[in-house]
Amino acid sequence: MENIENINRGSKIIILKSENTYSADVETFIPQGVCSTMINFAVEDGKLVYVDFTGGCPGNLKAISALITDMPVQEIVGKLKGITCGNKSTSCADQLCKALDGYMK
């Protein structure tokens, strides 16, 4: 099980959207046991405002990112935690949940 040491804190991102502008710190998480090699994300006011996966299945991860952006972190974790991929005991979505759990602690 990963822990908070897998999160690199410090970068800053400005997120411009049609109705909102966010200024949030970008966290970097190195997932384990999946095809994705890095997950960058930002949380503001308890909501995931930015997520980007490096590697993995591009179409699926873009779709997941679009669906969960602006969603409360606890709701994301409630829906995606424990999902597996093929014969692996985890998935990119599950690894994101581990990153979010570590961030929220």
N, C-alpha and C. Protein backbone atom coordinates (compact mmCIF):
# COMPACT_ATOMS: atom_id res chain seq x y z
N MET A 1 0.84 -1.19 0.00
CA MET A 1 0.00 0.00 0.00
C MET A 1 0.88 1.25 0.00
N GLU A 2 0.58 2.18 -0.87
CA GLU A 2 1.36 3.41 -0.97
C GLU A 2 1.02 4.33 0.20
N ASN A 3 1.91 5.25 0.45
CA ASN A 3 1.62 6.22 1.49
C ASN A 3 2.00 7.61 1.02
N ILE A 4 1.93 8.55 1.91
CA ILE A 4 2.10 9.96 1.58
C ILE A 4 3.46 10.26 0.95
N GLU A 5 4.48 9.41 1.16
CA GLU A 5 5.79 9.68 0.58
C GLU A 5 5.75 9.66 -0.95
N ASN A 6 4.74 9.04 -1.53
CA ASN A 6 4.64 8.99 -2.99
C ASN A 6 4.13 10.30 -3.58
N ILE A 7 3.79 11.25 -2.75
CA ILE A 7 3.25 12.51 -3.24
C ILE A 7 4.33 13.58 -3.17
N ASN A 8 4.58 14.24 -4.29
CA ASN A 8 5.54 15.33 -4.36
C ASN A 8 4.76 16.64 -4.36
N ARG A 9 4.96 17.45 -3.36
CA ARG A 9 4.23 18.70 -3.25
C ARG A 9 5.09 19.86 -3.73
N GLY A 10 4.45 20.89 -4.25
CA GLY A 10 5.21 22.09 -4.52
C GLY A 10 4.91 22.83 -5.81
N SER A 11 4.54 22.16 -6.87
CA SER A 11 4.25 22.87 -8.12
C SER A 11 2.96 23.66 -7.98
N LYS A 12 2.76 24.61 -8.85
CA LYS A 12 1.55 25.43 -8.83
C LYS A 12 0.94 25.41 -10.22
N ILE A 13 -0.39 25.39 -10.28
CA ILE A 13 -1.08 25.41 -11.56
C ILE A 13 -2.20 26.44 -11.49
N ILE A 14 -2.40 27.13 -12.56
CA ILE A 14 -3.55 28.02 -12.69
C ILE A 14 -4.49 27.34 -13.67
N ILE A 15 -5.72 27.11 -13.26
CA ILE A 15 -6.70 26.42 -14.08
C ILE A 15 -7.77 27.42 -14.48
N LEU A 16 -7.88 27.65 -15.78
CA LEU A 16 -8.87 28.59 -16.30
C LEU A 16 -10.02 27.80 -16.91
N LYS A 17 -11.21 28.06 -16.44
CA LYS A 17 -12.40 27.43 -17.00
C LYS A 17 -13.38 28.53 -17.34
N SER A 18 -14.37 28.21 -18.13
CA SER A 18 -15.30 29.24 -18.58
C SER A 18 -15.94 29.98 -17.42
N GLU A 19 -16.28 29.28 -16.34
CA GLU A 19 -16.96 29.93 -15.23
C GLU A 19 -16.09 30.09 -13.99
N ASN A 20 -14.95 29.40 -13.91
CA ASN A 20 -14.12 29.42 -12.71
C ASN A 20 -12.64 29.53 -13.06
N THR A 21 -11.89 30.14 -12.17
CA THR A 21 -10.44 30.14 -12.24
C THR A 21 -9.94 29.59 -10.91
N TYR A 22 -9.06 28.59 -10.97
CA TYR A 22 -8.51 27.99 -9.77
C TYR A 22 -7.01 28.24 -9.73
N SER A 23 -6.50 28.45 -8.55
CA SER A 23 -5.06 28.47 -8.33
C SER A 23 -4.79 27.41 -7.29
N ALA A 24 -4.24 26.29 -7.71
CA ALA A 24 -4.08 25.17 -6.80
C ALA A 24 -2.69 24.57 -6.93
N ASP A 25 -2.20 24.00 -5.84
CA ASP A 25 -0.93 23.29 -5.87
C ASP A 25 -1.12 21.96 -6.57
N VAL A 26 -0.22 21.63 -7.47
CA VAL A 26 -0.26 20.35 -8.17
C VAL A 26 0.53 19.33 -7.37
N GLU A 27 -0.08 18.21 -7.11
CA GLU A 27 0.54 17.09 -6.41
C GLU A 27 0.93 16.05 -7.45
N THR A 28 2.05 15.38 -7.24
CA THR A 28 2.50 14.32 -8.13
C THR A 28 2.56 13.02 -7.36
N PHE A 29 1.93 12.00 -7.91
CA PHE A 29 1.87 10.68 -7.28
C PHE A 29 2.44 9.66 -8.26
N ILE A 30 3.30 8.78 -7.77
CA ILE A 30 3.86 7.71 -8.59
C ILE A 30 3.08 6.43 -8.29
N PRO A 31 2.23 6.01 -9.22
CA PRO A 31 1.41 4.82 -8.99
C PRO A 31 2.24 3.53 -9.03
N GLN A 32 1.74 2.50 -8.40
CA GLN A 32 2.41 1.20 -8.34
C GLN A 32 1.52 0.13 -8.95
N GLY A 33 2.09 -0.75 -9.76
CA GLY A 33 1.38 -1.91 -10.27
C GLY A 33 0.42 -1.64 -11.41
N VAL A 34 0.56 -0.49 -12.08
CA VAL A 34 -0.32 -0.14 -13.20
C VAL A 34 0.52 0.39 -14.36
N CYS A 35 -0.10 0.58 -15.51
CA CYS A 35 0.62 1.07 -16.70
C CYS A 35 0.96 2.55 -16.60
N SER A 36 0.13 3.32 -15.94
CA SER A 36 0.40 4.75 -15.76
C SER A 36 1.64 4.91 -14.89
N THR A 37 2.51 5.86 -15.25
CA THR A 37 3.75 6.05 -14.50
C THR A 37 3.73 7.27 -13.59
N MET A 38 2.73 8.14 -13.75
CA MET A 38 2.64 9.33 -12.91
C MET A 38 1.22 9.89 -12.98
N ILE A 39 0.75 10.39 -11.83
CA ILE A 39 -0.54 11.06 -11.77
C ILE A 39 -0.31 12.43 -11.15
N ASN A 40 -0.65 13.49 -11.88
CA ASN A 40 -0.62 14.85 -11.35
C ASN A 40 -2.06 15.26 -11.08
N PHE A 41 -2.28 15.89 -9.93
CA PHE A 41 -3.64 16.30 -9.59
C PHE A 41 -3.61 17.53 -8.69
N ALA A 42 -4.74 18.23 -8.66
CA ALA A 42 -4.89 19.39 -7.79
C ALA A 42 -6.28 19.36 -7.17
N VAL A 43 -6.33 19.70 -5.89
CA VAL A 43 -7.58 19.73 -5.13
C VAL A 43 -7.77 21.13 -4.59
N GLU A 44 -8.98 21.64 -4.70
CA GLU A 44 -9.31 22.94 -4.12
C GLU A 44 -10.69 22.83 -3.49
N ASP A 45 -10.80 23.27 -2.25
CA ASP A 45 -12.07 23.23 -1.51
C ASP A 45 -12.70 21.85 -1.53
N GLY A 46 -11.87 20.81 -1.40
CA GLY A 46 -12.38 19.45 -1.33
C GLY A 46 -12.79 18.84 -2.65
N LYS A 47 -12.56 19.57 -3.75
CA LYS A 47 -12.91 19.05 -5.08
C LYS A 47 -11.65 18.87 -5.92
N LEU A 48 -11.65 17.83 -6.74
CA LEU A 48 -10.57 17.61 -7.69
C LEU A 48 -10.75 18.59 -8.83
N VAL A 49 -9.80 19.51 -9.00
CA VAL A 49 -9.94 20.53 -10.05
C VAL A 49 -9.03 20.26 -11.24
N TYR A 50 -8.11 19.32 -11.08
CA TYR A 50 -7.19 18.99 -12.17
C TYR A 50 -6.67 17.58 -11.96
N VAL A 51 -6.61 16.79 -13.02
CA VAL A 51 -5.97 15.48 -12.97
C VAL A 51 -5.40 15.16 -14.34
N ASP A 52 -4.19 14.60 -14.34
CA ASP A 52 -3.53 14.22 -15.58
C ASP A 52 -2.72 12.96 -15.33
N PHE A 53 -2.94 11.95 -16.15
CA PHE A 53 -2.22 10.68 -16.05
C PHE A 53 -1.14 10.64 -17.12
N THR A 54 0.05 10.17 -16.77
CA THR A 54 1.12 9.91 -17.73
C THR A 54 1.16 8.41 -17.96
N GLY A 55 1.06 8.00 -19.22
CA GLY A 55 1.03 6.58 -19.54
C GLY A 55 -0.36 6.00 -19.30
N GLY A 56 -0.46 4.70 -19.45
CA GLY A 56 -1.75 4.05 -19.27
C GLY A 56 -2.58 4.09 -20.54
N CYS A 57 -3.85 3.81 -20.42
CA CYS A 57 -4.78 3.76 -21.56
C CYS A 57 -5.31 5.17 -21.82
N PRO A 58 -4.81 5.87 -22.84
CA PRO A 58 -5.14 7.29 -23.02
C PRO A 58 -6.62 7.60 -23.09
N GLY A 59 -7.37 6.87 -23.89
CA GLY A 59 -8.79 7.18 -24.03
C GLY A 59 -9.56 7.00 -22.73
N ASN A 60 -9.33 5.87 -22.06
CA ASN A 60 -10.03 5.61 -20.80
C ASN A 60 -9.66 6.63 -19.73
N LEU A 61 -8.37 6.97 -19.64
CA LEU A 61 -7.95 7.91 -18.60
C LEU A 61 -8.42 9.33 -18.89
N LYS A 62 -8.49 9.71 -20.17
CA LYS A 62 -9.07 11.02 -20.51
C LYS A 62 -10.55 11.05 -20.14
N ALA A 63 -11.25 9.95 -20.39
CA ALA A 63 -12.68 9.88 -20.05
C ALA A 63 -12.88 9.96 -18.54
N ILE A 64 -12.10 9.19 -17.78
CA ILE A 64 -12.20 9.23 -16.32
C ILE A 64 -11.91 10.64 -15.83
N SER A 65 -10.85 11.26 -16.36
CA SER A 65 -10.49 12.62 -15.94
C SER A 65 -11.63 13.60 -16.19
N ALA A 66 -12.25 13.51 -17.36
CA ALA A 66 -13.37 14.41 -17.69
C ALA A 66 -14.55 14.19 -16.75
N LEU A 67 -14.82 12.95 -16.39
CA LEU A 67 -15.96 12.64 -15.54
C LEU A 67 -15.76 13.07 -14.09
N ILE A 68 -14.52 13.01 -13.58
CA ILE A 68 -14.31 13.28 -12.16
C ILE A 68 -13.82 14.69 -11.85
N THR A 69 -13.39 15.45 -12.85
CA THR A 69 -12.95 16.82 -12.60
C THR A 69 -14.12 17.63 -12.06
N ASP A 70 -13.87 18.39 -11.00
CA ASP A 70 -14.85 19.20 -10.27
C ASP A 70 -15.75 18.37 -9.35
N MET A 71 -15.44 17.10 -9.17
CA MET A 71 -16.21 16.24 -8.28
C MET A 71 -15.55 16.26 -6.89
N PRO A 72 -16.34 16.18 -5.81
CA PRO A 72 -15.74 16.10 -4.48
C PRO A 72 -14.84 14.87 -4.35
N VAL A 73 -13.70 15.05 -3.71
CA VAL A 73 -12.72 13.97 -3.55
C VAL A 73 -13.35 12.75 -2.90
N GLN A 74 -14.14 12.95 -1.85
CA GLN A 74 -14.74 11.80 -1.16
C GLN A 74 -15.67 11.01 -2.08
N GLU A 75 -16.36 11.68 -2.97
CA GLU A 75 -17.23 10.99 -3.92
C GLU A 75 -16.41 10.18 -4.92
N ILE A 76 -15.31 10.75 -5.38
CA ILE A 76 -14.42 10.03 -6.30
C ILE A 76 -13.91 8.76 -5.64
N VAL A 77 -13.39 8.89 -4.44
CA VAL A 77 -12.84 7.74 -3.72
C VAL A 77 -13.93 6.70 -3.49
N GLY A 78 -15.12 7.14 -3.13
CA GLY A 78 -16.23 6.22 -2.91
C GLY A 78 -16.61 5.42 -4.14
N LYS A 79 -16.45 6.01 -5.31
CA LYS A 79 -16.84 5.34 -6.56
C LYS A 79 -15.71 4.51 -7.18
N LEU A 80 -14.47 4.95 -7.05
CA LEU A 80 -13.39 4.34 -7.80
C LEU A 80 -12.44 3.46 -6.99
N LYS A 81 -12.45 3.59 -5.67
CA LYS A 81 -11.52 2.82 -4.83
C LYS A 81 -11.79 1.32 -4.98
N GLY A 82 -10.73 0.57 -5.18
CA GLY A 82 -10.84 -0.89 -5.25
C GLY A 82 -11.06 -1.45 -6.64
N ILE A 83 -11.23 -0.58 -7.64
CA ILE A 83 -11.40 -1.07 -9.01
C ILE A 83 -10.08 -1.70 -9.47
N THR A 84 -10.19 -2.85 -10.13
CA THR A 84 -9.00 -3.54 -10.64
C THR A 84 -8.96 -3.45 -12.16
N CYS A 85 -7.81 -3.76 -12.72
CA CYS A 85 -7.61 -3.72 -14.18
C CYS A 85 -7.04 -5.07 -14.62
N GLY A 86 -7.79 -5.79 -15.42
CA GLY A 86 -7.32 -7.10 -15.88
C GLY A 86 -7.00 -8.01 -14.72
N ASN A 87 -5.81 -8.61 -14.73
CA ASN A 87 -5.42 -9.50 -13.65
C ASN A 87 -4.64 -8.79 -12.55
N LYS A 88 -4.58 -7.47 -12.60
CA LYS A 88 -3.88 -6.69 -11.58
C LYS A 88 -4.78 -6.51 -10.36
N SER A 89 -4.16 -6.29 -9.21
CA SER A 89 -4.94 -6.09 -7.98
C SER A 89 -5.33 -4.63 -7.78
N THR A 90 -5.01 -3.78 -8.74
CA THR A 90 -5.31 -2.35 -8.66
C THR A 90 -5.58 -1.84 -10.08
N SER A 91 -5.78 -0.55 -10.21
CA SER A 91 -6.01 0.09 -11.51
C SER A 91 -5.52 1.53 -11.40
N CYS A 92 -5.48 2.23 -12.52
CA CYS A 92 -5.10 3.65 -12.48
C CYS A 92 -6.10 4.44 -11.63
N ALA A 93 -7.38 4.12 -11.74
CA ALA A 93 -8.40 4.81 -10.94
C ALA A 93 -8.20 4.53 -9.46
N ASP A 94 -7.90 3.28 -9.11
CA ASP A 94 -7.64 2.91 -7.72
C ASP A 94 -6.39 3.61 -7.20
N GLN A 95 -5.37 3.71 -8.04
CA GLN A 95 -4.15 4.41 -7.64
C GLN A 95 -4.41 5.90 -7.42
N LEU A 96 -5.27 6.50 -8.22
CA LEU A 96 -5.66 7.89 -7.99
C LEU A 96 -6.32 8.01 -6.62
N CYS A 97 -7.16 7.06 -6.27
CA CYS A 97 -7.81 7.09 -4.95
C CYS A 97 -6.78 7.01 -3.83
N LYS A 98 -5.75 6.18 -4.00
CA LYS A 98 -4.68 6.12 -3.00
C LYS A 98 -3.98 7.47 -2.88
N ALA A 99 -3.75 8.12 -4.02
CA ALA A 99 -3.13 9.45 -4.01
C ALA A 99 -4.02 10.45 -3.28
N LEU A 100 -5.31 10.43 -3.59
CA LEU A 100 -6.26 11.37 -2.96
C LEU A 100 -6.39 11.09 -1.48
N ASP A 101 -6.44 9.81 -1.09
CA ASP A 101 -6.49 9.46 0.34
C ASP A 101 -5.27 10.00 1.06
N GLY A 102 -4.08 9.81 0.47
CA GLY A 102 -2.85 10.31 1.07
C GLY A 102 -2.84 11.82 1.17
N TYR A 103 -3.35 12.47 0.16
CA TYR A 103 -3.39 13.93 0.15
C TYR A 103 -4.33 14.47 1.23
N MET A 104 -5.47 13.82 1.40
CA MET A 104 -6.48 14.32 2.33
C MET A 104 -6.10 14.08 3.79
N LYS A 105 -5.11 13.23 4.06
CA LYS A 105 -4.70 12.95 5.45
C LYS A 105 -3.82 14.04 5.99
